[in-house]
Amino acid sequence: MRTQNLSRIFNPGSIAVIGAGDEQNRMGHTLVRNIIEGGFKGAVYPVNPDHAHGPWR
């Protein structure tokens, strides 16, 4: 496998977080917040069948 193929894994343009919700003490919410606050520049898509979200940016 060439390193060019690994670039998409280690430098994604967007991220989907399965199980992200509105409750601040839950893992999915914390993960989304940490991704954004950590400086990720791409779109973050919270995925939760109980909520209708768009990208957080």
PDB file of N, CA and C in Angstrom:
ATOM      1  N   MET A   1       0.846  -1.175   0.000  1.00  0.00           N
ATOM      2  CA  MET A   1       0.000   0.000   0.000  1.00  0.00           C
ATOM      3  C   MET A   1       0.891   1.238   0.000  1.00  0.00           C
ATOM      4  N   ARG A   2       0.545   2.166  -0.850  1.00  0.00           N
ATOM      5  CA  ARG A   2       1.315   3.407  -0.922  1.00  0.00           C
ATOM      6  C   ARG A   2       0.838   4.384   0.153  1.00  0.00           C
ATOM      7  N   THR A   3       1.725   5.269   0.581  1.00  0.00           N
ATOM      8  CA  THR A   3       1.360   6.272   1.586  1.00  0.00           C
ATOM      9  C   THR A   3       0.285   7.218   1.083  1.00  0.00           C
ATOM     10  N   GLN A   4       0.206   7.421  -0.186  1.00  0.00           N
ATOM     11  CA  GLN A   4      -0.829   8.278  -0.755  1.00  0.00           C
ATOM     12  C   GLN A   4      -2.210   7.755  -0.365  1.00  0.00           C
ATOM     13  N   ASN A   5      -2.380   6.450  -0.325  1.00  0.00           N
ATOM     14  CA  ASN A   5      -3.664   5.852   0.033  1.00  0.00           C
ATOM     15  C   ASN A   5      -4.018   6.087   1.498  1.00  0.00           C
ATOM     16  N   LEU A   6      -3.025   6.234   2.364  1.00  0.00           N
ATOM     17  CA  LEU A   6      -3.271   6.433   3.785  1.00  0.00           C
ATOM     18  C   LEU A   6      -3.621   7.879   4.123  1.00  0.00           C
ATOM     19  N   SER A   7      -3.358   8.784   3.217  1.00  0.00           N
ATOM     20  CA  SER A   7      -3.612  10.202   3.470  1.00  0.00           C
ATOM     21  C   SER A   7      -5.079  10.460   3.820  1.00  0.00           C
ATOM     22  N   ARG A   8      -5.998   9.796   3.185  1.00  0.00           N
ATOM     23  CA  ARG A   8      -7.426  10.008   3.458  1.00  0.00           C
ATOM     24  C   ARG A   8      -7.827   9.514   4.841  1.00  0.00           C
ATOM     25  N   ILE A   9      -7.115   8.532   5.358  1.00  0.00           N
ATOM     26  CA  ILE A   9      -7.416   8.029   6.694  1.00  0.00           C
ATOM     27  C   ILE A   9      -6.911   8.999   7.760  1.00  0.00           C
ATOM     28  N   PHE A  10      -5.693   9.486   7.592  1.00  0.00           N
ATOM     29  CA  PHE A  10      -5.079  10.328   8.604  1.00  0.00           C
ATOM     30  C   PHE A  10      -5.353  11.814   8.427  1.00  0.00           C
ATOM     31  N   ASN A  11      -5.869  12.225   7.288  1.00  0.00           N
ATOM     32  CA  ASN A  11      -6.200  13.626   7.009  1.00  0.00           C
ATOM     33  C   ASN A  11      -7.554  13.714   6.314  1.00  0.00           C
ATOM     34  N   PRO A  12      -8.638  13.318   6.999  1.00  0.00           N
ATOM     35  CA  PRO A  12      -9.952  13.318   6.344  1.00  0.00           C
ATOM     36  C   PRO A  12     -10.480  14.727   6.104  1.00  0.00           C
ATOM     37  N   GLY A  13     -11.343  14.857   5.122  1.00  0.00           N
ATOM     38  CA  GLY A  13     -11.987  16.134   4.835  1.00  0.00           C
ATOM     39  C   GLY A  13     -13.243  16.336   5.658  1.00  0.00           C
ATOM     40  N   SER A  14     -13.814  15.233   6.161  1.00  0.00           N
ATOM     41  CA  SER A  14     -15.000  15.295   7.009  1.00  0.00           C
ATOM     42  C   SER A  14     -15.021  14.058   7.904  1.00  0.00           C
ATOM     43  N   ILE A  15     -15.790  14.158   8.988  1.00  0.00           N
ATOM     44  CA  ILE A  15     -15.879  13.060   9.953  1.00  0.00           C
ATOM     45  C   ILE A  15     -17.337  12.882  10.342  1.00  0.00           C
ATOM     46  N   ALA A  16     -17.815  11.648  10.369  1.00  0.00           N
ATOM     47  CA  ALA A  16     -19.141  11.325  10.888  1.00  0.00           C
ATOM     48  C   ALA A  16     -18.958  10.664  12.252  1.00  0.00           C
ATOM     49  N   VAL A  17     -19.695  11.141  13.254  1.00  0.00           N
ATOM     50  CA  VAL A  17     -19.620  10.577  14.595  1.00  0.00           C
ATOM     51  C   VAL A  17     -20.937   9.871  14.877  1.00  0.00           C
ATOM     52  N   ILE A  18     -20.887   8.549  14.941  1.00  0.00           N
ATOM     53  CA  ILE A  18     -22.080   7.740  15.186  1.00  0.00           C
ATOM     54  C   ILE A  18     -22.445   7.823  16.667  1.00  0.00           C
ATOM     55  N   GLY A  19     -23.696   8.148  16.955  1.00  0.00           N
ATOM     56  CA  GLY A  19     -24.165   8.206  18.327  1.00  0.00           C
ATOM     57  C   GLY A  19     -24.020   9.561  18.985  1.00  0.00           C
ATOM     58  N   ALA A  20     -23.722  10.593  18.216  1.00  0.00           N
ATOM     59  CA  ALA A  20     -23.597  11.941  18.786  1.00  0.00           C
ATOM     60  C   ALA A  20     -24.974  12.455  19.174  1.00  0.00           C
ATOM     61  N   GLY A  21     -25.046  13.066  20.336  1.00  0.00           N
ATOM     62  CA  GLY A  21     -26.321  13.588  20.801  1.00  0.00           C
ATOM     63  C   GLY A  21     -26.169  14.932  21.475  1.00  0.00           C
ATOM     64  N   ASP A  22     -27.248  15.391  22.074  1.00  0.00           N
ATOM     65  CA  ASP A  22     -27.280  16.706  22.700  1.00  0.00           C
ATOM     66  C   ASP A  22     -26.830  16.704  24.164  1.00  0.00           C
ATOM     67  N   GLU A  23     -26.803  15.543  24.800  1.00  0.00           N
ATOM     68  CA  GLU A  23     -26.453  15.466  26.216  1.00  0.00           C
ATOM     69  C   GLU A  23     -24.944  15.619  26.395  1.00  0.00           C
ATOM     70  N   GLN A  24     -24.553  16.674  27.118  1.00  0.00           N
ATOM     71  CA  GLN A  24     -23.140  17.023  27.230  1.00  0.00           C
ATOM     72  C   GLN A  24     -22.300  15.985  27.969  1.00  0.00           C
ATOM     73  N   ASN A  25     -22.881  15.176  28.808  1.00  0.00           N
ATOM     74  CA  ASN A  25     -22.102  14.196  29.559  1.00  0.00           C
ATOM     75  C   ASN A  25     -21.981  12.858  28.846  1.00  0.00           C
ATOM     76  N   ARG A  26     -22.415  12.776  27.600  1.00  0.00           N
ATOM     77  CA  ARG A  26     -22.357  11.520  26.842  1.00  0.00           C
ATOM     78  C   ARG A  26     -21.143  11.490  25.926  1.00  0.00           C
ATOM     79  N   MET A  27     -20.660  10.305  25.636  1.00  0.00           N
ATOM     80  CA  MET A  27     -19.437  10.121  24.864  1.00  0.00           C
ATOM     81  C   MET A  27     -19.520  10.728  23.463  1.00  0.00           C
ATOM     82  N   GLY A  28     -20.628  10.530  22.755  1.00  0.00           N
ATOM     83  CA  GLY A  28     -20.748  11.043  21.394  1.00  0.00           C
ATOM     84  C   GLY A  28     -20.660  12.563  21.341  1.00  0.00           C
ATOM     85  N   HIS A  29     -21.312  13.228  22.271  1.00  0.00           N
ATOM     86  CA  HIS A  29     -21.270  14.695  22.332  1.00  0.00           C
ATOM     87  C   HIS A  29     -19.855  15.170  22.650  1.00  0.00           C
ATOM     88  N   THR A  30     -19.228  14.516  23.614  1.00  0.00           N
ATOM     89  CA  THR A  30     -17.859  14.873  24.002  1.00  0.00           C
ATOM     90  C   THR A  30     -16.896  14.676  22.846  1.00  0.00           C
ATOM     91  N   LEU A  31     -17.048  13.603  22.105  1.00  0.00           N
ATOM     92  CA  LEU A  31     -16.176  13.332  20.963  1.00  0.00           C
ATOM     93  C   LEU A  31     -16.307  14.421  19.896  1.00  0.00           C
ATOM     94  N   VAL A  32     -17.529  14.792  19.561  1.00  0.00           N
ATOM     95  CA  VAL A  32     -17.741  15.852  18.563  1.00  0.00           C
ATOM     96  C   VAL A  32     -17.129  17.166  19.046  1.00  0.00           C
ATOM     97  N   ARG A  33     -17.374  17.509  20.298  1.00  0.00           N
ATOM     98  CA  ARG A  33     -16.824  18.751  20.849  1.00  0.00           C
ATOM     99  C   ARG A  33     -15.297  18.739  20.807  1.00  0.00           C
ATOM    100  N   ASN A  34     -14.677  17.620  21.179  1.00  0.00           N
ATOM    101  CA  ASN A  34     -13.214  17.525  21.166  1.00  0.00           C
ATOM    102  C   ASN A  34     -12.640  17.620  19.756  1.00  0.00           C
ATOM    103  N   ILE A  35     -13.321  17.040  18.784  1.00  0.00           N
ATOM    104  CA  ILE A  35     -12.864  17.128  17.393  1.00  0.00           C
ATOM    105  C   ILE A  35     -12.866  18.585  16.931  1.00  0.00           C
ATOM    106  N   ILE A  36     -13.946  19.287  17.211  1.00  0.00           N
ATOM    107  CA  ILE A  36     -14.063  20.681  16.787  1.00  0.00           C
ATOM    108  C   ILE A  36     -13.090  21.573  17.548  1.00  0.00           C
ATOM    109  N   GLU A  37     -13.063  21.440  18.869  1.00  0.00           N
ATOM    110  CA  GLU A  37     -12.169  22.273  19.682  1.00  0.00           C
ATOM    111  C   GLU A  37     -10.700  21.941  19.451  1.00  0.00           C
ATOM    112  N   GLY A  38     -10.434  20.735  18.950  1.00  0.00           N
ATOM    113  CA  GLY A  38      -9.061  20.329  18.652  1.00  0.00           C
ATOM    114  C   GLY A  38      -8.531  20.914  17.357  1.00  0.00           C
ATOM    115  N   GLY A  39      -9.381  21.614  16.608  1.00  0.00           N
ATOM    116  CA  GLY A  39      -8.918  22.308  15.420  1.00  0.00           C
ATOM    117  C   GLY A  39      -9.208  21.621  14.101  1.00  0.00           C
ATOM    118  N   PHE A  40     -10.032  20.570  14.101  1.00  0.00           N
ATOM    119  CA  PHE A  40     -10.373  19.917  12.839  1.00  0.00           C
ATOM    120  C   PHE A  40     -11.076  20.914  11.931  1.00  0.00           C
ATOM    121  N   LYS A  41     -10.618  21.045  10.706  1.00  0.00           N
ATOM    122  CA  LYS A  41     -11.120  22.070   9.779  1.00  0.00           C
ATOM    123  C   LYS A  41     -12.270  21.601   8.896  1.00  0.00           C
ATOM    124  N   GLY A  42     -12.491  20.309   8.794  1.00  0.00           N
ATOM    125  CA  GLY A  42     -13.533  19.798   7.914  1.00  0.00           C
ATOM    126  C   GLY A  42     -14.901  19.779   8.570  1.00  0.00           C
ATOM    127  N   ALA A  43     -15.877  19.250   7.858  1.00  0.00           N
ATOM    128  CA  ALA A  43     -17.246  19.130   8.371  1.00  0.00           C
ATOM    129  C   ALA A  43     -17.321  17.970   9.354  1.00  0.00           C
ATOM    130  N   VAL A  44     -18.103  18.164  10.412  1.00  0.00           N
ATOM    131  CA  VAL A  44     -18.339  17.118  11.409  1.00  0.00           C
ATOM    132  C   VAL A  44     -19.822  16.786  11.349  1.00  0.00           C
ATOM    133  N   TYR A  45     -20.139  15.528  11.042  1.00  0.00           N
ATOM    134  CA  TYR A  45     -21.525  15.093  10.897  1.00  0.00           C
ATOM    135  C   TYR A  45     -21.921  14.217  12.082  1.00  0.00           C
ATOM    136  N   PRO A  46     -22.714  14.747  13.010  1.00  0.00           N
ATOM    137  CA  PRO A  46     -23.220  13.910  14.091  1.00  0.00           C
ATOM    138  C   PRO A  46     -24.334  13.012  13.542  1.00  0.00           C
ATOM    139  N   VAL A  47     -24.240  11.719  13.800  1.00  0.00           N
ATOM    140  CA  VAL A  47     -25.218  10.756  13.291  1.00  0.00           C
ATOM    141  C   VAL A  47     -25.948  10.148  14.478  1.00  0.00           C
ATOM    142  N   ASN A  48     -27.256  10.393  14.540  1.00  0.00           N
ATOM    143  CA  ASN A  48     -28.083   9.855  15.607  1.00  0.00           C
ATOM    144  C   ASN A  48     -29.502   9.745  15.062  1.00  0.00           C
ATOM    145  N   PRO A  49     -30.071   8.542  15.052  1.00  0.00           N
ATOM    146  CA  PRO A  49     -31.404   8.369  14.475  1.00  0.00           C
ATOM    147  C   PRO A  49     -32.500   9.117  15.243  1.00  0.00           C
ATOM    148  N   ASP A  50     -32.218   9.543  16.476  1.00  0.00           N
ATOM    149  CA  ASP A  50     -33.214  10.246  17.276  1.00  0.00           C
ATOM    150  C   ASP A  50     -33.186  11.759  17.076  1.00  0.00           C
ATOM    151  N   HIS A  51     -32.218  12.262  16.303  1.00  0.00           N
ATOM    152  CA  HIS A  51     -32.077  13.701  16.095  1.00  0.00           C
ATOM    153  C   HIS A  51     -31.849  13.999  14.620  1.00  0.00           C
ATOM    154  N   ALA A  52     -32.317  15.151  14.176  1.00  0.00           N
ATOM    155  CA  ALA A  52     -32.078  15.583  12.810  1.00  0.00           C
ATOM    156  C   ALA A  52     -31.012  16.690  12.851  1.00  0.00           C
ATOM    157  N   HIS A  53     -29.765  16.314  12.607  1.00  0.00           N
ATOM    158  CA  HIS A  53     -28.651  17.262  12.625  1.00  0.00           C
ATOM    159  C   HIS A  53     -28.123  17.469  11.221  1.00  0.00           C
ATOM    160  N   GLY A  54     -27.542  18.606  10.990  1.00  0.00           N
ATOM    161  CA  GLY A  54     -26.743  18.855   9.808  1.00  0.00           C
ATOM    162  C   GLY A  54     -25.292  18.873  10.264  1.00  0.00           C
ATOM    163  N   PRO A  55     -24.385  19.236   9.402  1.00  0.00           N
ATOM    164  CA  PRO A  55     -22.992  19.333   9.847  1.00  0.00           C
ATOM    165  C   PRO A  55     -22.850  20.440  10.881  1.00  0.00           C
ATOM    166  N   TRP A  56     -21.962  20.261  11.835  1.00  0.00           N
ATOM    167  CA  TRP A  56     -21.741  21.265  12.874  1.00  0.00           C
ATOM    168  C   TRP A  56     -20.974  22.452  12.338  1.00  0.00           C
ATOM    169  N   ARG A  57     -20.424  22.335  11.157  1.00  0.00           N
ATOM    170  CA  ARG A  57     -19.802  23.476  10.485  1.00  0.00           C
ATOM    171  C   ARG A  57     -19.717  23.188   9.027  1.00  0.00           C
TER     172      ARG A  57
END
